[in-house]
Amino acid sequence: MVVDPPAATSLIASLLGAANAHSIHRGRSFWTELRGKKSFSGKLTILDNPLRIRGLASRYYDVEGIAAKPFVLIENGTVQNIYADTYY
């Protein structure tokens, strides 16, 4: 599928919006049962790389002051991680 960049941004934002510990903890996320399971096409890999120079939301530290590092969310269709802060 070929998607226009602004539309792709919206699609990915909708997908990842529920991939956080807060939503999962409250039972309001479809990501609850996905961790470690192949849930998407094997061609899909999503990497959050905050160290990419001039990348969207690039940063050396997160809002809690913890050093940022590349973070694999989905690798070859398998959900590897979710977003979590120190509270969760």
PDB file of N, CA and C in Angstrom:
ATOM      1  N   MET A   1       0.847  -1.161   0.000  1.00  0.00           N
ATOM      2  CA  MET A   1       0.000   0.000   0.000  1.00  0.00           C
ATOM      3  C   MET A   1       0.900   1.232   0.000  1.00  0.00           C
ATOM      4  N   VAL A   2       0.565   2.190  -0.816  1.00  0.00           N
ATOM      5  CA  VAL A   2       1.274   3.455  -0.855  1.00  0.00           C
ATOM      6  C   VAL A   2       0.362   4.508  -0.235  1.00  0.00           C
ATOM      7  N   VAL A   3       0.903   5.241   0.733  1.00  0.00           N
ATOM      8  CA  VAL A   3       0.110   6.220   1.464  1.00  0.00           C
ATOM      9  C   VAL A   3       0.829   7.567   1.420  1.00  0.00           C
ATOM     10  N   ASP A   4       0.073   8.625   1.231  1.00  0.00           N
ATOM     11  CA  ASP A   4       0.593   9.985   1.250  1.00  0.00           C
ATOM     12  C   ASP A   4       1.224  10.264   2.624  1.00  0.00           C
ATOM     13  N   PRO A   5       2.393  10.907   2.705  1.00  0.00           N
ATOM     14  CA  PRO A   5       3.055  11.131   4.000  1.00  0.00           C
ATOM     15  C   PRO A   5       2.174  11.732   5.097  1.00  0.00           C
ATOM     16  N   PRO A   6       1.376  12.775   4.845  1.00  0.00           N
ATOM     17  CA  PRO A   6       0.527  13.284   5.930  1.00  0.00           C
ATOM     18  C   PRO A   6      -0.504  12.244   6.410  1.00  0.00           C
ATOM     19  N   ALA A   7      -1.028  11.446   5.481  1.00  0.00           N
ATOM     20  CA  ALA A   7      -1.974  10.393   5.866  1.00  0.00           C
ATOM     21  C   ALA A   7      -1.270   9.295   6.651  1.00  0.00           C
ATOM     22  N   ALA A   8      -0.037   8.964   6.250  1.00  0.00           N
ATOM     23  CA  ALA A   8       0.730   7.942   6.960  1.00  0.00           C
ATOM     24  C   ALA A   8       0.998   8.363   8.393  1.00  0.00           C
ATOM     25  N   THR A   9       1.312   9.631   8.573  1.00  0.00           N
ATOM     26  CA  THR A   9       1.546  10.154   9.921  1.00  0.00           C
ATOM     27  C   THR A   9       0.311   9.979  10.782  1.00  0.00           C
ATOM     28  N   SER A  10      -0.838  10.282  10.240  1.00  0.00           N
ATOM     29  CA  SER A  10      -2.090  10.139  10.978  1.00  0.00           C
ATOM     30  C   SER A  10      -2.390   8.677  11.303  1.00  0.00           C
ATOM     31  N   LEU A  11      -2.159   7.787  10.346  1.00  0.00           N
ATOM     32  CA  LEU A  11      -2.400   6.360  10.578  1.00  0.00           C
ATOM     33  C   LEU A  11      -1.491   5.805  11.672  1.00  0.00           C
ATOM     34  N   ILE A  12      -0.222   6.147  11.606  1.00  0.00           N
ATOM     35  CA  ILE A  12       0.730   5.645  12.599  1.00  0.00           C
ATOM     36  C   ILE A  12       0.446   6.249  13.973  1.00  0.00           C
ATOM     37  N   ALA A  13       0.085   7.513  14.014  1.00  0.00           N
ATOM     38  CA  ALA A  13      -0.253   8.151  15.293  1.00  0.00           C
ATOM     39  C   ALA A  13      -1.452   7.466  15.942  1.00  0.00           C
ATOM     40  N   SER A  14      -2.440   7.107  15.141  1.00  0.00           N
ATOM     41  CA  SER A  14      -3.616   6.404  15.675  1.00  0.00           C
ATOM     42  C   SER A  14      -3.230   5.025  16.195  1.00  0.00           C
ATOM     43  N   LEU A  15      -2.369   4.341  15.465  1.00  0.00           N
ATOM     44  CA  LEU A  15      -1.920   3.012  15.865  1.00  0.00           C
ATOM     45  C   LEU A  15      -1.124   3.058  17.168  1.00  0.00           C
ATOM     46  N   LEU A  16      -0.180   3.991  17.252  1.00  0.00           N
ATOM     47  CA  LEU A  16       0.714   4.042  18.408  1.00  0.00           C
ATOM     48  C   LEU A  16       0.148   4.812  19.593  1.00  0.00           C
ATOM     49  N   GLY A  17      -0.932   5.548  19.382  1.00  0.00           N
ATOM     50  CA  GLY A  17      -1.531   6.311  20.471  1.00  0.00           C
ATOM     51  C   GLY A  17      -1.949   5.449  21.651  1.00  0.00           C
ATOM     52  N   ALA A  18      -2.318   4.215  21.371  1.00  0.00           N
ATOM     53  CA  ALA A  18      -2.752   3.307  22.432  1.00  0.00           C
ATOM     54  C   ALA A  18      -1.628   2.400  22.929  1.00  0.00           C
ATOM     55  N   ALA A  19      -0.414   2.587  22.424  1.00  0.00           N
ATOM     56  CA  ALA A  19       0.712   1.734  22.802  1.00  0.00           C
ATOM     57  C   ALA A  19       1.469   2.309  23.987  1.00  0.00           C
ATOM     58  N   ASN A  20       0.744   2.650  25.038  1.00  0.00           N
ATOM     59  CA  ASN A  20       1.408   3.187  26.224  1.00  0.00           C
ATOM     60  C   ASN A  20       0.890   2.495  27.470  1.00  0.00           C
ATOM     61  N   ALA A  21       1.719   2.470  28.489  1.00  0.00           N
ATOM     62  CA  ALA A  21       1.390   1.742  29.716  1.00  0.00           C
ATOM     63  C   ALA A  21       0.150   2.295  30.407  1.00  0.00           C
ATOM     64  N   HIS A  22      -0.078   3.591  30.326  1.00  0.00           N
ATOM     65  CA  HIS A  22      -1.243   4.201  30.957  1.00  0.00           C
ATOM     66  C   HIS A  22      -2.537   3.611  30.381  1.00  0.00           C
ATOM     67  N   SER A  23      -2.654   3.563  29.063  1.00  0.00           N
ATOM     68  CA  SER A  23      -3.849   3.018  28.424  1.00  0.00           C
ATOM     69  C   SER A  23      -4.004   1.527  28.707  1.00  0.00           C
ATOM     70  N   ILE A  24      -2.900   0.802  28.670  1.00  0.00           N
ATOM     71  CA  ILE A  24      -2.955  -0.642  28.924  1.00  0.00           C
ATOM     72  C   ILE A  24      -3.356  -0.911  30.365  1.00  0.00           C
ATOM     73  N   HIS A  25      -2.792  -0.170  31.307  1.00  0.00           N
ATOM     74  CA  HIS A  25      -3.107  -0.331  32.723  1.00  0.00           C
ATOM     75  C   HIS A  25      -4.602  -0.113  32.988  1.00  0.00           C
ATOM     76  N   ARG A  26      -5.206   0.819  32.304  1.00  0.00           N
ATOM     77  CA  ARG A  26      -6.628   1.119  32.473  1.00  0.00           C
ATOM     78  C   ARG A  26      -7.538   0.226  31.638  1.00  0.00           C
ATOM     79  N   GLY A  27      -6.946  -0.670  30.842  1.00  0.00           N
ATOM     80  CA  GLY A  27      -7.732  -1.577  30.024  1.00  0.00           C
ATOM     81  C   GLY A  27      -8.378  -0.916  28.822  1.00  0.00           C
ATOM     82  N   ARG A  28      -7.776   0.166  28.341  1.00  0.00           N
ATOM     83  CA  ARG A  28      -8.334   0.916  27.216  1.00  0.00           C
ATOM     84  C   ARG A  28      -7.462   0.829  25.972  1.00  0.00           C
ATOM     85  N   SER A  29      -6.773  -0.264  25.799  1.00  0.00           N
ATOM     86  CA  SER A  29      -5.866  -0.396  24.670  1.00  0.00           C
ATOM     87  C   SER A  29      -5.955  -1.791  24.071  1.00  0.00           C
ATOM     88  N   PHE A  30      -5.921  -1.854  22.754  1.00  0.00           N
ATOM     89  CA  PHE A  30      -5.894  -3.149  22.083  1.00  0.00           C
ATOM     90  C   PHE A  30      -4.499  -3.778  22.130  1.00  0.00           C
ATOM     91  N   TRP A  31      -3.509  -3.048  22.636  1.00  0.00           N
ATOM     92  CA  TRP A  31      -2.136  -3.539  22.730  1.00  0.00           C
ATOM     93  C   TRP A  31      -1.935  -4.507  23.897  1.00  0.00           C
ATOM     94  N   THR A  32      -2.905  -4.612  24.787  1.00  0.00           N
ATOM     95  CA  THR A  32      -2.764  -5.407  26.005  1.00  0.00           C
ATOM     96  C   THR A  32      -2.243  -6.816  25.749  1.00  0.00           C
ATOM     97  N   GLU A  33      -2.816  -7.501  24.794  1.00  0.00           N
ATOM     98  CA  GLU A  33      -2.450  -8.901  24.543  1.00  0.00           C
ATOM     99  C   GLU A  33      -1.456  -9.081  23.400  1.00  0.00           C
ATOM    100  N   LEU A  34      -0.949  -8.000  22.825  1.00  0.00           N
ATOM    101  CA  LEU A  34      -0.119  -8.104  21.627  1.00  0.00           C
ATOM    102  C   LEU A  34       1.371  -8.304  21.878  1.00  0.00           C
ATOM    103  N   ARG A  35       1.877  -7.922  23.032  1.00  0.00           N
ATOM    104  CA  ARG A  35       3.328  -7.964  23.277  1.00  0.00           C
ATOM    105  C   ARG A  35       3.862  -9.387  23.121  1.00  0.00           C
ATOM    106  N   GLY A  36       4.872  -9.509  22.262  1.00  0.00           N
ATOM    107  CA  GLY A  36       5.497 -10.808  22.013  1.00  0.00           C
ATOM    108  C   GLY A  36       4.799 -11.633  20.952  1.00  0.00           C
ATOM    109  N   LYS A  37       3.700 -11.143  20.405  1.00  0.00           N
ATOM    110  CA  LYS A  37       2.948 -11.877  19.395  1.00  0.00           C
ATOM    111  C   LYS A  37       3.077 -11.206  18.038  1.00  0.00           C
ATOM    112  N   LYS A  38       3.087 -12.033  16.997  1.00  0.00           N
ATOM    113  CA  LYS A  38       3.105 -11.495  15.642  1.00  0.00           C
ATOM    114  C   LYS A  38       1.687 -11.046  15.328  1.00  0.00           C
ATOM    115  N   SER A  39       1.493  -9.749  15.265  1.00  0.00           N
ATOM    116  CA  SER A  39       0.163  -9.184  15.115  1.00  0.00           C
ATOM    117  C   SER A  39      -0.003  -8.352  13.850  1.00  0.00           C
ATOM    118  N   PHE A  40       1.084  -8.107  13.138  1.00  0.00           N
ATOM    119  CA  PHE A  40       1.071  -7.280  11.948  1.00  0.00           C
ATOM    120  C   PHE A  40       1.828  -7.989  10.837  1.00  0.00           C
ATOM    121  N   SER A  41       1.829  -7.413   9.663  1.00  0.00           N
ATOM    122  CA  SER A  41       2.568  -7.968   8.533  1.00  0.00           C
ATOM    123  C   SER A  41       4.039  -8.124   8.904  1.00  0.00           C
ATOM    124  N   GLY A  42       4.661  -9.183   8.439  1.00  0.00           N
ATOM    125  CA  GLY A  42       6.077  -9.419   8.695  1.00  0.00           C
ATOM    126  C   GLY A  42       6.973  -8.350   8.097  1.00  0.00           C
ATOM    127  N   LYS A  43       6.408  -7.526   7.226  1.00  0.00           N
ATOM    128  CA  LYS A  43       7.177  -6.444   6.607  1.00  0.00           C
ATOM    129  C   LYS A  43       7.173  -5.166   7.445  1.00  0.00           C
ATOM    130  N   LEU A  44       6.394  -5.157   8.537  1.00  0.00           N
ATOM    131  CA  LEU A  44       6.272  -3.943   9.348  1.00  0.00           C
ATOM    132  C   LEU A  44       7.272  -3.932  10.500  1.00  0.00           C
ATOM    133  N   THR A  45       8.111  -2.906  10.529  1.00  0.00           N
ATOM    134  CA  THR A  45       9.026  -2.647  11.644  1.00  0.00           C
ATOM    135  C   THR A  45       8.904  -1.167  11.983  1.00  0.00           C
ATOM    136  N   ILE A  46       8.658  -0.856  13.255  1.00  0.00           N
ATOM    137  CA  ILE A  46       8.563   0.536  13.701  1.00  0.00           C
ATOM    138  C   ILE A  46       9.604   0.747  14.789  1.00  0.00           C
ATOM    139  N   LEU A  47      10.518   1.654  14.517  1.00  0.00           N
ATOM    140  CA  LEU A  47      11.602   1.984  15.431  1.00  0.00           C
ATOM    141  C   LEU A  47      11.487   3.456  15.803  1.00  0.00           C
ATOM    142  N   ASP A  48      11.468   3.748  17.090  1.00  0.00           N
ATOM    143  CA  ASP A  48      11.494   5.128  17.567  1.00  0.00           C
ATOM    144  C   ASP A  48      12.957   5.457  17.832  1.00  0.00           C
ATOM    145  N   ASN A  49      13.542   6.285  16.967  1.00  0.00           N
ATOM    146  CA  ASN A  49      14.946   6.645  17.116  1.00  0.00           C
ATOM    147  C   ASN A  49      15.055   8.123  17.456  1.00  0.00           C
ATOM    148  N   PRO A  50      15.090   8.467  18.741  1.00  0.00           N
ATOM    149  CA  PRO A  50      15.140   9.871  19.151  1.00  0.00           C
ATOM    150  C   PRO A  50      16.489  10.540  18.902  1.00  0.00           C
ATOM    151  N   LEU A  51      17.480   9.771  18.507  1.00  0.00           N
ATOM    152  CA  LEU A  51      18.813  10.321  18.293  1.00  0.00           C
ATOM    153  C   LEU A  51      19.067  10.693  16.831  1.00  0.00           C
ATOM    154  N   ARG A  52      18.080  10.530  15.987  1.00  0.00           N
ATOM    155  CA  ARG A  52      18.225  10.866  14.565  1.00  0.00           C
ATOM    156  C   ARG A  52      18.350  12.379  14.418  1.00  0.00           C
ATOM    157  N   ILE A  53      19.412  12.812  13.805  1.00  0.00           N
ATOM    158  CA  ILE A  53      19.659  14.244  13.639  1.00  0.00           C
ATOM    159  C   ILE A  53      18.557  14.863  12.793  1.00  0.00           C
ATOM    160  N   ARG A  54      17.972  15.948  13.313  1.00  0.00           N
ATOM    161  CA  ARG A  54      16.878  16.676  12.684  1.00  0.00           C
ATOM    162  C   ARG A  54      15.626  15.828  12.456  1.00  0.00           C
ATOM    163  N   GLY A  55      15.495  14.733  13.186  1.00  0.00           N
ATOM    164  CA  GLY A  55      14.310  13.897  13.080  1.00  0.00           C
ATOM    165  C   GLY A  55      13.167  14.471  13.893  1.00  0.00           C
ATOM    166  N   LEU A  56      11.965  14.028  13.583  1.00  0.00           N
ATOM    167  CA  LEU A  56      10.787  14.467  14.313  1.00  0.00           C
ATOM    168  C   LEU A  56      10.908  14.024  15.774  1.00  0.00           C
ATOM    169  N   ALA A  57      10.824  14.949  16.695  1.00  0.00           N
ATOM    170  CA  ALA A  57      10.917  14.697  18.142  1.00  0.00           C
ATOM    171  C   ALA A  57      12.284  14.155  18.562  1.00  0.00           C
ATOM    172  N   SER A  58      13.344  14.501  17.832  1.00  0.00           N
ATOM    173  CA  SER A  58      14.694  14.094  18.231  1.00  0.00           C
ATOM    174  C   SER A  58      15.034  14.722  19.576  1.00  0.00           C
ATOM    175  N   ARG A  59      15.741  13.962  20.401  1.00  0.00           N
ATOM    176  CA  ARG A  59      16.085  14.453  21.734  1.00  0.00           C
ATOM    177  C   ARG A  59      17.175  13.570  22.324  1.00  0.00           C
ATOM    178  N   TYR A  60      17.947  14.126  23.239  1.00  0.00           N
ATOM    179  CA  TYR A  60      18.963  13.349  23.946  1.00  0.00           C
ATOM    180  C   TYR A  60      18.428  12.805  25.264  1.00  0.00           C
ATOM    181  N   TYR A  61      17.417  13.494  25.822  1.00  0.00           N
ATOM    182  CA  TYR A  61      16.812  13.076  27.090  1.00  0.00           C
ATOM    183  C   TYR A  61      15.305  13.161  26.960  1.00  0.00           C
ATOM    184  N   ASP A  62      14.599  12.276  27.659  1.00  0.00           N
ATOM    185  CA  ASP A  62      13.138  12.354  27.624  1.00  0.00           C
ATOM    186  C   ASP A  62      12.646  13.361  28.666  1.00  0.00           C
ATOM    187  N   VAL A  63      11.333  13.493  28.818  1.00  0.00           N
ATOM    188  CA  VAL A  63      10.775  14.497  29.733  1.00  0.00           C
ATOM    189  C   VAL A  63      11.083  14.199  31.198  1.00  0.00           C
ATOM    190  N   GLU A  64      11.500  12.968  31.501  1.00  0.00           N
ATOM    191  CA  GLU A  64      11.852  12.612  32.873  1.00  0.00           C
ATOM    192  C   GLU A  64      13.349  12.722  33.134  1.00  0.00           C
ATOM    193  N   GLY A  65      14.112  13.170  32.138  1.00  0.00           N
ATOM    194  CA  GLY A  65      15.546  13.339  32.296  1.00  0.00           C
ATOM    195  C   GLY A  65      16.355  12.081  32.065  1.00  0.00           C
ATOM    196  N   ILE A  66      15.735  11.049  31.536  1.00  0.00           N
ATOM    197  CA  ILE A  66      16.424   9.791  31.254  1.00  0.00           C
ATOM    198  C   ILE A  66      17.002   9.851  29.846  1.00  0.00           C
ATOM    199  N   ALA A  67      18.230   9.378  29.676  1.00  0.00           N
ATOM    200  CA  ALA A  67      18.878   9.403  28.360  1.00  0.00           C
ATOM    201  C   ALA A  67      18.042   8.635  27.342  1.00  0.00           C
ATOM    202  N   ALA A  68      17.817   9.258  26.208  1.00  0.00           N
ATOM    203  CA  ALA A  68      17.033   8.646  25.144  1.00  0.00           C
ATOM    204  C   ALA A  68      17.886   7.631  24.389  1.00  0.00           C
ATOM    205  N   LYS A  69      17.239   6.592  23.879  1.00  0.00           N
ATOM    206  CA  LYS A  69      17.930   5.596  23.065  1.00  0.00           C
ATOM    207  C   LYS A  69      16.928   5.025  22.065  1.00  0.00           C
ATOM    208  N   PRO A  70      17.407   4.440  20.975  1.00  0.00           N
ATOM    209  CA  PRO A  70      16.492   3.844  20.000  1.00  0.00           C
ATOM    210  C   PRO A  70      15.635   2.765  20.663  1.00  0.00           C
ATOM    211  N   PHE A  71      14.399   2.668  20.214  1.00  0.00           N
ATOM    212  CA  PHE A  71      13.404   1.835  20.872  1.00  0.00           C
ATOM    213  C   PHE A  71      12.579   1.120  19.803  1.00  0.00           C
ATOM    214  N   VAL A  72      12.625  -0.211  19.762  1.00  0.00           N
ATOM    215  CA  VAL A  72      11.866  -0.982  18.779  1.00  0.00           C
ATOM    216  C   VAL A  72      10.469  -1.254  19.336  1.00  0.00           C
ATOM    217  N   LEU A  73       9.457  -0.781  18.627  1.00  0.00           N
ATOM    218  CA  LEU A  73       8.074  -1.052  19.022  1.00  0.00           C
ATOM    219  C   LEU A  73       7.566  -2.325  18.355  1.00  0.00           C
ATOM    220  N   ILE A  74       7.725  -2.389  17.045  1.00  0.00           N
ATOM    221  CA  ILE A  74       7.292  -3.552  16.279  1.00  0.00           C
ATOM    222  C   ILE A  74       8.450  -3.969  15.399  1.00  0.00           C
ATOM    223  N   GLU A  75       8.780  -5.259  15.423  1.00  0.00           N
ATOM    224  CA  GLU A  75       9.868  -5.763  14.595  1.00  0.00           C
ATOM    225  C   GLU A  75       9.383  -6.957  13.798  1.00  0.00           C
ATOM    226  N   ASN A  76       9.415  -6.831  12.485  1.00  0.00           N
ATOM    227  CA  ASN A  76       8.947  -7.875  11.578  1.00  0.00           C
ATOM    228  C   ASN A  76       7.539  -8.355  11.929  1.00  0.00           C
ATOM    229  N   GLY A  77       6.679  -7.409  12.309  1.00  0.00           N
ATOM    230  CA  GLY A  77       5.287  -7.719  12.604  1.00  0.00           C
ATOM    231  C   GLY A  77       5.009  -8.153  14.036  1.00  0.00           C
ATOM    232  N   THR A  78       6.046  -8.334  14.836  1.00  0.00           N
ATOM    233  CA  THR A  78       5.889  -8.771  16.223  1.00  0.00           C
ATOM    234  C   THR A  78       6.044  -7.580  17.163  1.00  0.00           C
ATOM    235  N   VAL A  79       5.091  -7.404  18.061  1.00  0.00           N
ATOM    236  CA  VAL A  79       5.139  -6.302  19.025  1.00  0.00           C
ATOM    237  C   VAL A  79       6.214  -6.621  20.060  1.00  0.00           C
ATOM    238  N   GLN A  80       7.209  -5.755  20.154  1.00  0.00           N
ATOM    239  CA  GLN A  80       8.332  -5.960  21.070  1.00  0.00           C
ATOM    240  C   GLN A  80       8.168  -5.190  22.372  1.00  0.00           C
ATOM    241  N   ASN A  81       7.710  -3.949  22.300  1.00  0.00           N
ATOM    242  CA  ASN A  81       7.647  -3.072  23.464  1.00  0.00           C
ATOM    243  C   ASN A  81       6.448  -2.146  23.386  1.00  0.00           C
ATOM    244  N   ILE A  82       6.197  -1.472  24.486  1.00  0.00           N
ATOM    245  CA  ILE A  82       5.212  -0.391  24.536  1.00  0.00           C
ATOM    246  C   ILE A  82       5.889   0.804  25.212  1.00  0.00           C
ATOM    247  N   TYR A  83       5.287   1.948  25.079  1.00  0.00           N
ATOM    248  CA  TYR A  83       5.819   3.133  25.757  1.00  0.00           C
ATOM    249  C   TYR A  83       5.421   3.082  27.228  1.00  0.00           C
ATOM    250  N   ALA A  84       6.400   3.306  28.100  1.00  0.00           N
ATOM    251  CA  ALA A  84       6.129   3.353  29.540  1.00  0.00           C
ATOM    252  C   ALA A  84       7.020   4.410  30.176  1.00  0.00           C
ATOM    253  N   ASP A  85       6.507   5.063  31.188  1.00  0.00           N
ATOM    254  CA  ASP A  85       7.329   6.016  31.927  1.00  0.00           C
ATOM    255  C   ASP A  85       7.700   5.385  33.269  1.00  0.00           C
ATOM    256  N   THR A  86       8.413   6.120  34.104  1.00  0.00           N
ATOM    257  CA  THR A  86       8.876   5.523  35.364  1.00  0.00           C
ATOM    258  C   THR A  86       7.736   5.232  36.324  1.00  0.00           C
ATOM    259  N   TYR A  87       6.591   5.885  36.179  1.00  0.00           N
ATOM    260  CA  TYR A  87       5.442   5.615  37.043  1.00  0.00           C
ATOM    261  C   TYR A  87       4.903   4.203  36.783  1.00  0.00           C
ATOM    262  N   TYR A  88       4.834   3.812  35.525  1.00  0.00           N
ATOM    263  CA  TYR A  88       4.301   2.490  35.175  1.00  0.00           C
ATOM    264  C   TYR A  88       5.379   1.451  35.080  1.00  0.00           C
TER     265      TYR A  88
END
